Protein backbone atom coordinates (compact mmCIF):
# COMPACT_ATOMS: atom_id res chain seq x y z
CA MET A 1 23.31 119.63 308.22
CA LYS A 2 24.72 117.05 306.12
CA ILE A 3 24.14 118.98 303.00
CA LEU A 4 26.10 121.88 304.51
CA SER A 5 28.57 119.69 305.23
CA LEU A 6 29.04 118.07 301.54
CA THR A 7 28.92 121.93 300.29
CA LEU A 8 31.61 123.25 302.66
CA ALA A 9 33.67 120.15 301.75
CA SER A 10 33.45 120.77 298.17
CA ALA A 11 33.96 124.35 298.42
CA VAL A 12 37.05 123.90 300.28
CA THR A 13 38.10 121.03 297.84
CA ALA A 14 37.48 123.23 294.77
CA THR A 15 39.22 125.83 296.70
CA MET A 16 42.57 124.00 297.49
CA ALA A 17 42.48 122.61 294.02
CA ALA A 18 42.73 125.64 292.72
CA HIS A 19 45.52 127.20 294.75
CA ALA A 20 47.29 123.96 294.30
CA GLU A 21 50.70 124.48 292.67
CA LEU A 22 50.75 122.35 289.18
CA PRO A 23 53.38 119.57 289.44
CA ALA A 24 56.40 120.79 287.25
CA PRO A 25 56.70 120.14 283.42
CA PRO A 26 59.08 117.16 282.65
CA GLN A 27 62.64 117.67 282.73
CA GLU A 28 64.70 116.89 279.66
CA PRO A 29 66.59 113.37 280.07
CA LEU A 30 70.50 114.26 281.73
CA THR A 31 72.76 113.68 278.86
CA TYR A 32 76.54 113.15 279.73
CA ALA A 33 79.38 113.46 277.40
CA PRO A 34 81.27 110.15 276.57
CA ALA A 35 84.30 109.93 278.58
CA PRO A 36 87.34 110.38 277.13
CA LYS A 37 89.21 107.73 275.31
CA ALA A 38 92.07 106.53 277.36
CA CYS A 39 95.14 107.38 275.62
CA THR A 40 97.54 104.52 275.33
CA THR A 41 100.96 104.05 273.44
CA GLU A 42 99.81 103.02 269.97
CA GLU A 43 101.96 101.25 267.38
CA PHE A 44 101.43 101.32 263.75
CA THR A 45 103.75 99.09 260.86
CA ILE A 46 104.22 99.81 257.43
CA TYR A 47 106.14 97.10 255.13
CA PHE A 48 107.99 97.53 252.22
CA GLU A 49 109.24 95.64 249.15
CA ARG A 50 113.18 94.75 249.39
CA GLY A 51 114.87 97.90 248.48
CA VAL A 52 112.13 100.15 248.20
CA THR A 53 111.85 103.12 250.04
CA ARG A 54 107.99 104.45 248.73
CA LEU A 55 105.03 103.67 250.10
CA GLY A 56 103.03 101.16 248.96
CA ASP A 57 99.35 101.08 248.57
CA GLN A 58 98.93 99.46 251.79
CA ALA A 59 100.45 102.21 253.61
CA ASP A 60 97.29 104.45 253.32
CA ALA A 61 95.00 102.68 254.96
CA VAL A 62 97.61 102.70 257.87
CA LEU A 63 98.42 106.35 257.49
CA ASP A 64 94.59 107.21 257.89
CA ALA A 65 94.48 104.93 261.10
CA VAL A 66 97.41 107.19 262.44
CA ALA A 67 95.61 110.11 261.77
CA ASP A 68 92.30 108.89 263.17
CA ASP A 69 94.45 108.37 266.44
CA LEU A 70 95.80 111.49 266.54
CA SER A 71 92.48 113.16 266.27
CA ASP A 72 91.24 111.11 269.49
CA CYS A 73 93.92 111.68 271.65
CA ARG A 74 96.30 114.38 272.76
CA TYR A 75 99.96 112.99 271.81
CA ALA A 76 103.17 114.24 273.12
CA ARG A 77 105.22 112.85 270.46
CA ILE A 78 105.26 110.64 267.16
CA GLU A 79 108.22 108.20 266.92
CA VAL A 80 108.91 107.16 263.55
CA THR A 81 111.54 104.21 263.18
CA GLY A 82 112.44 102.73 259.86
CA ASP A 83 114.18 99.40 259.64
CA SER A 84 115.75 97.06 257.27
CA ASP A 85 116.67 93.51 256.77
CA ALA A 86 120.30 92.38 257.02
CA ALA A 87 120.98 92.12 253.54
CA GLY A 88 123.39 94.13 251.87
CA PRO A 89 126.12 96.36 253.49
CA VAL A 90 125.49 98.10 256.78
CA ASP A 91 125.77 101.63 255.33
CA LEU A 92 123.17 101.05 252.52
CA ASN A 93 120.84 99.69 254.98
CA ARG A 94 120.76 102.71 257.21
CA LYS A 95 119.97 104.63 254.27
CA VAL A 96 117.29 102.86 253.45
CA SER A 97 116.00 102.82 256.70
CA ASP A 98 116.28 106.68 256.74
CA GLU A 99 114.42 107.10 253.67
CA ARG A 100 111.52 104.89 254.80
CA ALA A 101 111.19 106.77 257.73
CA GLN A 102 111.11 109.90 256.19
CA ALA A 103 108.59 108.69 253.28
CA VAL A 104 106.33 107.88 256.32
CA VAL A 105 106.57 111.50 257.75
CA GLU A 106 105.55 113.04 254.34
CA GLY A 107 102.44 110.60 254.52
CA LEU A 108 101.63 111.90 257.62
CA LYS A 109 102.32 115.62 256.82
CA ALA A 110 100.03 114.97 254.13
CA ARG A 111 97.30 114.20 256.54
CA ASN A 112 97.98 117.47 257.99
CA ILE A 113 100.06 116.23 260.82
CA THR A 114 102.61 118.64 261.65
CA ALA A 115 106.03 117.46 262.12
CA GLY A 116 106.77 119.38 265.27
CA HIS A 117 106.31 116.41 267.57
CA ILE A 118 107.80 113.80 264.90
CA GLY A 119 111.04 112.11 266.03
CA ILE A 120 112.65 109.84 263.60
CA GLU A 121 115.07 107.16 264.02
CA PRO A 122 116.62 105.16 261.27
CA LYS A 123 117.71 101.68 262.63
CA GLY A 124 119.15 99.70 259.53
CA GLU A 125 119.45 96.45 260.12
CA ALA A 126 120.10 96.91 264.16
CA ARG A 127 116.66 95.25 264.98
CA ALA A 128 116.29 92.74 262.23
CA TYR A 129 114.82 89.30 263.03
CA ALA A 130 117.21 87.53 261.05
CA ALA A 131 120.48 89.02 261.18
CA ASN A 132 122.57 86.45 259.09
CA GLY A 133 122.23 87.69 255.69
CA TYR A 134 118.83 86.74 254.65
CA ALA A 135 116.43 89.10 253.18
CA GLU A 136 113.84 89.02 255.89
CA PRO A 137 110.55 90.62 254.72
CA LEU A 138 108.87 91.26 258.42
CA ASN A 139 112.38 93.65 258.82
CA ARG A 140 111.75 95.85 255.83
CA LYS A 141 109.36 98.26 257.57
CA ALA A 142 109.04 101.47 259.14
CA THR A 143 106.60 101.97 262.57
CA VAL A 144 104.83 104.61 263.97
CA ARG A 145 104.59 105.39 267.58
CA LEU A 146 102.39 107.28 269.00
CA VAL A 147 103.32 108.38 272.78
CA PRO A 148 100.48 109.90 274.52
CA VAL A 149 100.85 113.09 276.84
CA ASN A 150 100.17 111.39 279.87
CA SER A 151 103.30 108.65 279.24
CA ASP A 152 106.34 108.15 280.85
CA GLN A 153 107.57 105.53 278.24
CA ARG A 154 110.53 106.32 276.07
CA ALA A 155 111.36 104.62 272.71
CA SER A 156 113.05 101.20 273.14
């Protein structure tokens, strides 16, 4: 009887094993797309020599960084501001700051950045750090400001 029980138990186990479902094959691990970069207002500055309105060697690296940021985020507008120092007549400083801003816009266009959302604002010496007639190198600049779509900020 004991032999019959073992034989019967073995037969039942074999039958159950034959009809048992195989475990599911392992699944590929879930992968998620990286979270989108949080777009914030970005500002880049290009400095110029006194009286110079064409882009210098260091401008390429700055404009490349602007182009990289533009590829990472969606920006509502690009604001380019030209500045000058307080040396010289006001009208000349305004003209120089406008030409600096225009040079930056041309540099952006050379990087396939469309001018549709680019605004230009020449400030002249209006925002000069030292408006006392001294040639202040930090005032001879153009600033590129990237304002994201979700921002309510305005140029100051």
